[in-house]
Amino acid sequence: HHFEDHVECPERVYAVADRLRALEAEGLTAEYDTDRLASDAELAVAHKYVERLALAASPSASGAPVVLADAEDPDGVTYATATSIDDARRAVGATLDLVDLLLGAS
């Protein structure tokens, strides 16, 4: 999504992609595959509004983005859609797999 002054915006994705391409050009990247989906407990460590994410994905949801009120978030309001909980599970699961991979390599 694109909301003025919100950290989660297309420009952030483009900046990360640009940096990854630069690291790859320097030979400083590696690929790994994972299909790990984070459990509810793991997801709750990264996201304090897991129940709201699940609600947005529920069959009774309207399909419209749901506002996840997050008063302490300096980046503003976060929105969720029907796929947000699955996206979050994949992101947290991949992050945990990467940590396990890095710790196992040390």
N, C-alpha and C. Protein backbone atom coordinates (compact mmCIF):
# COMPACT_ATOMS: atom_id res chain seq x y z
N HIS A 1 0.83 -1.18 0.00
CA HIS A 1 0.00 0.00 0.00
C HIS A 1 0.87 1.24 0.00
N HIS A 2 0.27 2.36 -0.29
CA HIS A 2 1.03 3.60 -0.30
C HIS A 2 0.25 4.67 0.44
N PHE A 3 0.73 4.98 1.63
CA PHE A 3 0.14 6.05 2.43
C PHE A 3 1.27 7.00 2.78
N GLU A 4 1.03 8.27 2.60
CA GLU A 4 2.05 9.28 2.81
C GLU A 4 2.72 9.13 4.17
N ASP A 5 4.04 9.18 4.18
CA ASP A 5 4.87 9.12 5.38
C ASP A 5 4.80 7.79 6.13
N HIS A 6 4.31 6.72 5.50
CA HIS A 6 4.27 5.41 6.15
C HIS A 6 5.49 4.62 5.70
N VAL A 7 6.17 3.97 6.65
CA VAL A 7 7.41 3.26 6.34
C VAL A 7 7.17 2.09 5.37
N GLU A 8 6.01 1.47 5.42
CA GLU A 8 5.70 0.37 4.52
C GLU A 8 5.11 0.93 3.23
N CYS A 9 5.98 1.13 2.25
CA CYS A 9 5.56 1.75 1.00
C CYS A 9 6.37 1.15 -0.15
N PRO A 10 5.92 1.36 -1.37
CA PRO A 10 6.67 0.80 -2.51
C PRO A 10 8.13 1.24 -2.55
N GLU A 11 8.41 2.45 -2.18
CA GLU A 11 9.80 2.94 -2.22
C GLU A 11 10.72 2.11 -1.32
N ARG A 12 10.19 1.65 -0.21
CA ARG A 12 10.98 0.82 0.71
C ARG A 12 11.33 -0.50 0.03
N VAL A 13 10.36 -1.11 -0.64
CA VAL A 13 10.61 -2.36 -1.35
C VAL A 13 11.65 -2.14 -2.44
N TYR A 14 11.51 -1.06 -3.20
CA TYR A 14 12.48 -0.76 -4.27
C TYR A 14 13.89 -0.56 -3.70
N ALA A 15 13.99 0.13 -2.58
CA ALA A 15 15.31 0.38 -1.96
C ALA A 15 15.95 -0.93 -1.50
N VAL A 16 15.16 -1.81 -0.90
CA VAL A 16 15.69 -3.10 -0.46
C VAL A 16 16.13 -3.92 -1.67
N ALA A 17 15.31 -3.96 -2.71
CA ALA A 17 15.66 -4.71 -3.93
C ALA A 17 16.94 -4.17 -4.55
N ASP A 18 17.08 -2.84 -4.60
CA ASP A 18 18.29 -2.23 -5.15
C ASP A 18 19.52 -2.64 -4.34
N ARG A 19 19.38 -2.62 -3.02
CA ARG A 19 20.52 -2.96 -2.16
C ARG A 19 20.89 -4.43 -2.32
N LEU A 20 19.88 -5.30 -2.42
CA LEU A 20 20.16 -6.72 -2.62
C LEU A 20 20.86 -6.97 -3.95
N ARG A 21 20.44 -6.25 -5.00
CA ARG A 21 21.12 -6.38 -6.30
C ARG A 21 22.57 -5.93 -6.19
N ALA A 22 22.82 -4.86 -5.46
CA ALA A 22 24.20 -4.38 -5.30
C ALA A 22 25.04 -5.40 -4.53
N LEU A 23 24.47 -5.99 -3.48
CA LEU A 23 25.19 -7.01 -2.72
C LEU A 23 25.46 -8.24 -3.58
N GLU A 24 24.47 -8.61 -4.41
CA GLU A 24 24.64 -9.75 -5.29
C GLU A 24 25.77 -9.50 -6.29
N ALA A 25 25.85 -8.28 -6.81
CA ALA A 25 26.91 -7.93 -7.76
C ALA A 25 28.28 -8.04 -7.10
N GLU A 26 28.33 -7.85 -5.79
CA GLU A 26 29.59 -7.96 -5.05
C GLU A 26 29.84 -9.38 -4.57
N GLY A 27 28.95 -10.30 -4.89
CA GLY A 27 29.11 -11.69 -4.47
C GLY A 27 28.80 -11.90 -3.00
N LEU A 28 27.98 -11.05 -2.42
CA LEU A 28 27.72 -11.11 -0.99
C LEU A 28 26.32 -11.61 -0.64
N THR A 29 25.72 -12.37 -1.53
CA THR A 29 24.38 -12.90 -1.24
C THR A 29 24.38 -14.42 -1.41
N ALA A 30 23.38 -15.02 -0.82
CA ALA A 30 23.16 -16.46 -0.98
C ALA A 30 21.66 -16.68 -0.98
N GLU A 31 21.22 -17.71 -1.65
CA GLU A 31 19.79 -18.02 -1.68
C GLU A 31 19.53 -19.25 -0.84
N TYR A 32 18.37 -19.28 -0.23
CA TYR A 32 17.91 -20.48 0.44
C TYR A 32 16.40 -20.55 0.28
N ASP A 33 15.88 -21.76 0.21
CA ASP A 33 14.45 -21.96 0.05
C ASP A 33 13.82 -22.37 1.38
N THR A 34 12.65 -21.85 1.62
CA THR A 34 11.91 -22.22 2.82
C THR A 34 10.42 -22.10 2.55
N ASP A 35 9.67 -23.00 3.13
CA ASP A 35 8.22 -22.86 3.07
C ASP A 35 7.65 -22.91 4.48
N ARG A 36 8.48 -22.58 5.45
CA ARG A 36 8.05 -22.60 6.84
C ARG A 36 6.98 -21.54 7.08
N LEU A 37 5.91 -21.94 7.73
CA LEU A 37 4.88 -21.01 8.17
C LEU A 37 4.98 -20.90 9.67
N ALA A 38 5.07 -19.69 10.18
CA ALA A 38 5.19 -19.48 11.61
C ALA A 38 3.92 -19.94 12.32
N SER A 39 4.10 -20.47 13.53
CA SER A 39 2.97 -20.84 14.38
C SER A 39 2.33 -19.58 14.96
N ASP A 40 1.20 -19.73 15.59
CA ASP A 40 0.56 -18.58 16.24
C ASP A 40 1.50 -17.96 17.27
N ALA A 41 2.17 -18.80 18.06
CA ALA A 41 3.08 -18.29 19.09
C ALA A 41 4.25 -17.53 18.47
N GLU A 42 4.82 -18.07 17.40
CA GLU A 42 5.94 -17.39 16.73
C GLU A 42 5.47 -16.09 16.10
N LEU A 43 4.30 -16.12 15.50
CA LEU A 43 3.75 -14.92 14.88
C LEU A 43 3.51 -13.83 15.91
N ALA A 44 3.05 -14.22 17.09
CA ALA A 44 2.76 -13.24 18.15
C ALA A 44 4.01 -12.53 18.64
N VAL A 45 5.17 -13.14 18.48
CA VAL A 45 6.42 -12.49 18.88
C VAL A 45 6.71 -11.29 17.97
N ALA A 46 6.35 -11.42 16.69
CA ALA A 46 6.64 -10.38 15.71
C ALA A 46 5.48 -9.40 15.53
N HIS A 47 4.26 -9.84 15.80
CA HIS A 47 3.08 -9.01 15.56
C HIS A 47 2.16 -9.05 16.78
N LYS A 48 1.87 -7.91 17.33
CA LYS A 48 1.02 -7.88 18.52
C LYS A 48 -0.46 -7.92 18.21
N TYR A 49 -0.82 -7.92 16.94
CA TYR A 49 -2.23 -7.91 16.57
C TYR A 49 -2.60 -9.14 15.74
N VAL A 50 -2.17 -10.31 16.18
CA VAL A 50 -2.42 -11.56 15.45
C VAL A 50 -3.91 -11.82 15.30
N GLU A 51 -4.68 -11.57 16.36
CA GLU A 51 -6.12 -11.83 16.29
C GLU A 51 -6.78 -10.98 15.21
N ARG A 52 -6.34 -9.73 15.08
CA ARG A 52 -6.90 -8.85 14.04
C ARG A 52 -6.50 -9.32 12.65
N LEU A 53 -5.29 -9.85 12.51
CA LEU A 53 -4.87 -10.40 11.22
C LEU A 53 -5.76 -11.58 10.85
N ALA A 54 -6.03 -12.44 11.83
CA ALA A 54 -6.89 -13.60 11.58
C ALA A 54 -8.30 -13.16 11.21
N LEU A 55 -8.77 -12.12 11.86
CA LEU A 55 -10.11 -11.61 11.58
C LEU A 55 -10.21 -11.11 10.14
N ALA A 56 -9.18 -10.43 9.67
CA ALA A 56 -9.19 -9.92 8.29
C ALA A 56 -9.23 -11.06 7.28
N ALA A 57 -8.70 -12.22 7.65
CA ALA A 57 -8.65 -13.37 6.75
C ALA A 57 -9.87 -14.28 6.89
N SER A 58 -10.72 -14.02 7.85
CA SER A 58 -11.85 -14.92 8.11
C SER A 58 -12.85 -14.89 6.94
N PRO A 59 -13.54 -16.00 6.74
CA PRO A 59 -14.52 -16.06 5.64
C PRO A 59 -15.62 -15.01 5.75
N SER A 60 -15.90 -14.54 6.95
CA SER A 60 -16.96 -13.55 7.13
C SER A 60 -16.48 -12.12 6.87
N ALA A 61 -15.18 -11.94 6.63
CA ALA A 61 -14.64 -10.60 6.38
C ALA A 61 -15.15 -10.08 5.04
N SER A 62 -15.28 -8.78 4.95
CA SER A 62 -15.83 -8.16 3.74
C SER A 62 -14.87 -8.17 2.56
N GLY A 63 -13.59 -8.37 2.83
CA GLY A 63 -12.59 -8.31 1.77
C GLY A 63 -11.91 -6.95 1.71
N ALA A 64 -12.51 -5.97 2.36
CA ALA A 64 -11.89 -4.63 2.41
C ALA A 64 -10.75 -4.65 3.43
N PRO A 65 -9.72 -3.83 3.22
CA PRO A 65 -8.64 -3.76 4.21
C PRO A 65 -9.18 -3.41 5.60
N VAL A 66 -8.57 -4.04 6.60
CA VAL A 66 -8.95 -3.81 7.99
C VAL A 66 -7.87 -2.94 8.62
N VAL A 67 -8.26 -1.92 9.34
CA VAL A 67 -7.30 -1.07 10.04
C VAL A 67 -6.90 -1.76 11.32
N LEU A 68 -5.60 -1.92 11.49
CA LEU A 68 -5.07 -2.47 12.73
C LEU A 68 -4.59 -1.29 13.56
N ALA A 69 -5.42 -0.83 14.45
CA ALA A 69 -5.06 0.33 15.26
C ALA A 69 -3.84 -0.02 16.09
N ASP A 70 -2.81 0.75 15.94
CA ASP A 70 -1.55 0.51 16.61
C ASP A 70 -1.04 1.86 17.12
N ALA A 71 -1.62 2.31 18.21
CA ALA A 71 -1.36 3.66 18.73
C ALA A 71 0.12 3.91 19.03
N GLU A 72 0.85 2.86 19.44
CA GLU A 72 2.27 3.06 19.78
C GLU A 72 3.18 3.07 18.57
N ASP A 73 2.67 2.72 17.42
CA ASP A 73 3.50 2.62 16.22
C ASP A 73 3.80 4.00 15.66
N PRO A 74 5.07 4.41 15.69
CA PRO A 74 5.41 5.73 15.16
C PRO A 74 5.22 5.85 13.65
N ASP A 75 5.07 4.71 12.98
CA ASP A 75 4.89 4.72 11.53
C ASP A 75 3.45 4.88 11.10
N GLY A 76 2.55 4.96 12.05
CA GLY A 76 1.14 5.15 11.72
C GLY A 76 0.36 3.86 11.70
N VAL A 77 -0.82 3.94 11.16
CA VAL A 77 -1.74 2.82 11.14
C VAL A 77 -1.28 1.75 10.15
N THR A 78 -1.48 0.50 10.52
CA THR A 78 -1.18 -0.62 9.65
C THR A 78 -2.49 -1.22 9.16
N TYR A 79 -2.53 -1.60 7.91
CA TYR A 79 -3.73 -2.18 7.32
C TYR A 79 -3.50 -3.66 7.04
N ALA A 80 -4.55 -4.46 7.13
CA ALA A 80 -4.47 -5.88 6.83
C ALA A 80 -5.53 -6.24 5.79
N THR A 81 -5.19 -7.23 4.96
CA THR A 81 -6.14 -7.74 3.98
C THR A 81 -6.32 -9.23 4.25
N ALA A 82 -7.10 -9.88 3.41
CA ALA A 82 -7.40 -11.30 3.60
C ALA A 82 -6.14 -12.17 3.55
N THR A 83 -5.09 -11.71 2.87
CA THR A 83 -3.86 -12.52 2.76
C THR A 83 -2.80 -12.12 3.78
N SER A 84 -3.04 -11.09 4.56
CA SER A 84 -2.00 -10.57 5.45
C SER A 84 -1.50 -11.60 6.45
N ILE A 85 -2.39 -12.42 7.03
CA ILE A 85 -1.92 -13.38 8.04
C ILE A 85 -1.03 -14.44 7.39
N ASP A 86 -1.38 -14.90 6.19
CA ASP A 86 -0.53 -15.87 5.50
C ASP A 86 0.80 -15.24 5.11
N ASP A 87 0.76 -13.99 4.67
CA ASP A 87 1.99 -13.27 4.34
C ASP A 87 2.88 -13.13 5.57
N ALA A 88 2.28 -12.79 6.70
CA ALA A 88 3.03 -12.64 7.94
C ALA A 88 3.61 -13.97 8.39
N ARG A 89 2.84 -15.05 8.27
CA ARG A 89 3.34 -16.38 8.64
C ARG A 89 4.55 -16.76 7.78
N ARG A 90 4.49 -16.47 6.48
CA ARG A 90 5.63 -16.78 5.59
C ARG A 90 6.85 -15.93 5.96
N ALA A 91 6.63 -14.65 6.20
CA ALA A 91 7.75 -13.75 6.52
C ALA A 91 8.42 -14.13 7.83
N VAL A 92 7.62 -14.37 8.85
CA VAL A 92 8.20 -14.74 10.16
C VAL A 92 8.84 -16.12 10.06
N GLY A 93 8.19 -17.06 9.38
CA GLY A 93 8.76 -18.39 9.22
C GLY A 93 10.09 -18.35 8.49
N ALA A 94 10.18 -17.58 7.41
CA ALA A 94 11.43 -17.46 6.66
C ALA A 94 12.51 -16.81 7.51
N THR A 95 12.13 -15.79 8.28
CA THR A 95 13.10 -15.12 9.15
C THR A 95 13.64 -16.09 10.19
N LEU A 96 12.75 -16.88 10.80
CA LEU A 96 13.19 -17.84 11.80
C LEU A 96 14.08 -18.92 11.18
N ASP A 97 13.74 -19.38 9.98
CA ASP A 97 14.60 -20.34 9.29
C ASP A 97 15.98 -19.75 9.01
N LEU A 98 16.02 -18.48 8.61
CA LEU A 98 17.29 -17.83 8.33
C LEU A 98 18.13 -17.72 9.61
N VAL A 99 17.50 -17.34 10.71
CA VAL A 99 18.23 -17.27 11.98
C VAL A 99 18.77 -18.65 12.35
N ASP A 100 17.95 -19.69 12.22
CA ASP A 100 18.41 -21.04 12.50
C ASP A 100 19.60 -21.41 11.60
N LEU A 101 19.52 -21.06 10.33
CA LEU A 101 20.60 -21.34 9.38
C LEU A 101 21.88 -20.61 9.81
N LEU A 102 21.75 -19.34 10.13
CA LEU A 102 22.95 -18.56 10.53
C LEU A 102 23.53 -19.04 11.84
N LEU A 103 22.69 -19.36 12.81
CA LEU A 103 23.21 -19.84 14.09
C LEU A 103 23.82 -21.21 13.95
N GLY A 104 23.28 -22.02 13.06
CA GLY A 104 23.83 -23.35 12.82
C GLY A 104 25.18 -23.29 12.12
N ALA A 105 25.43 -22.21 11.39
CA ALA A 105 26.69 -22.04 10.66
C ALA A 105 27.80 -21.51 11.55
N SER A 106 27.42 -21.00 12.74
CA SER A 106 28.47 -20.40 13.60
C SER A 106 29.08 -21.39 14.55
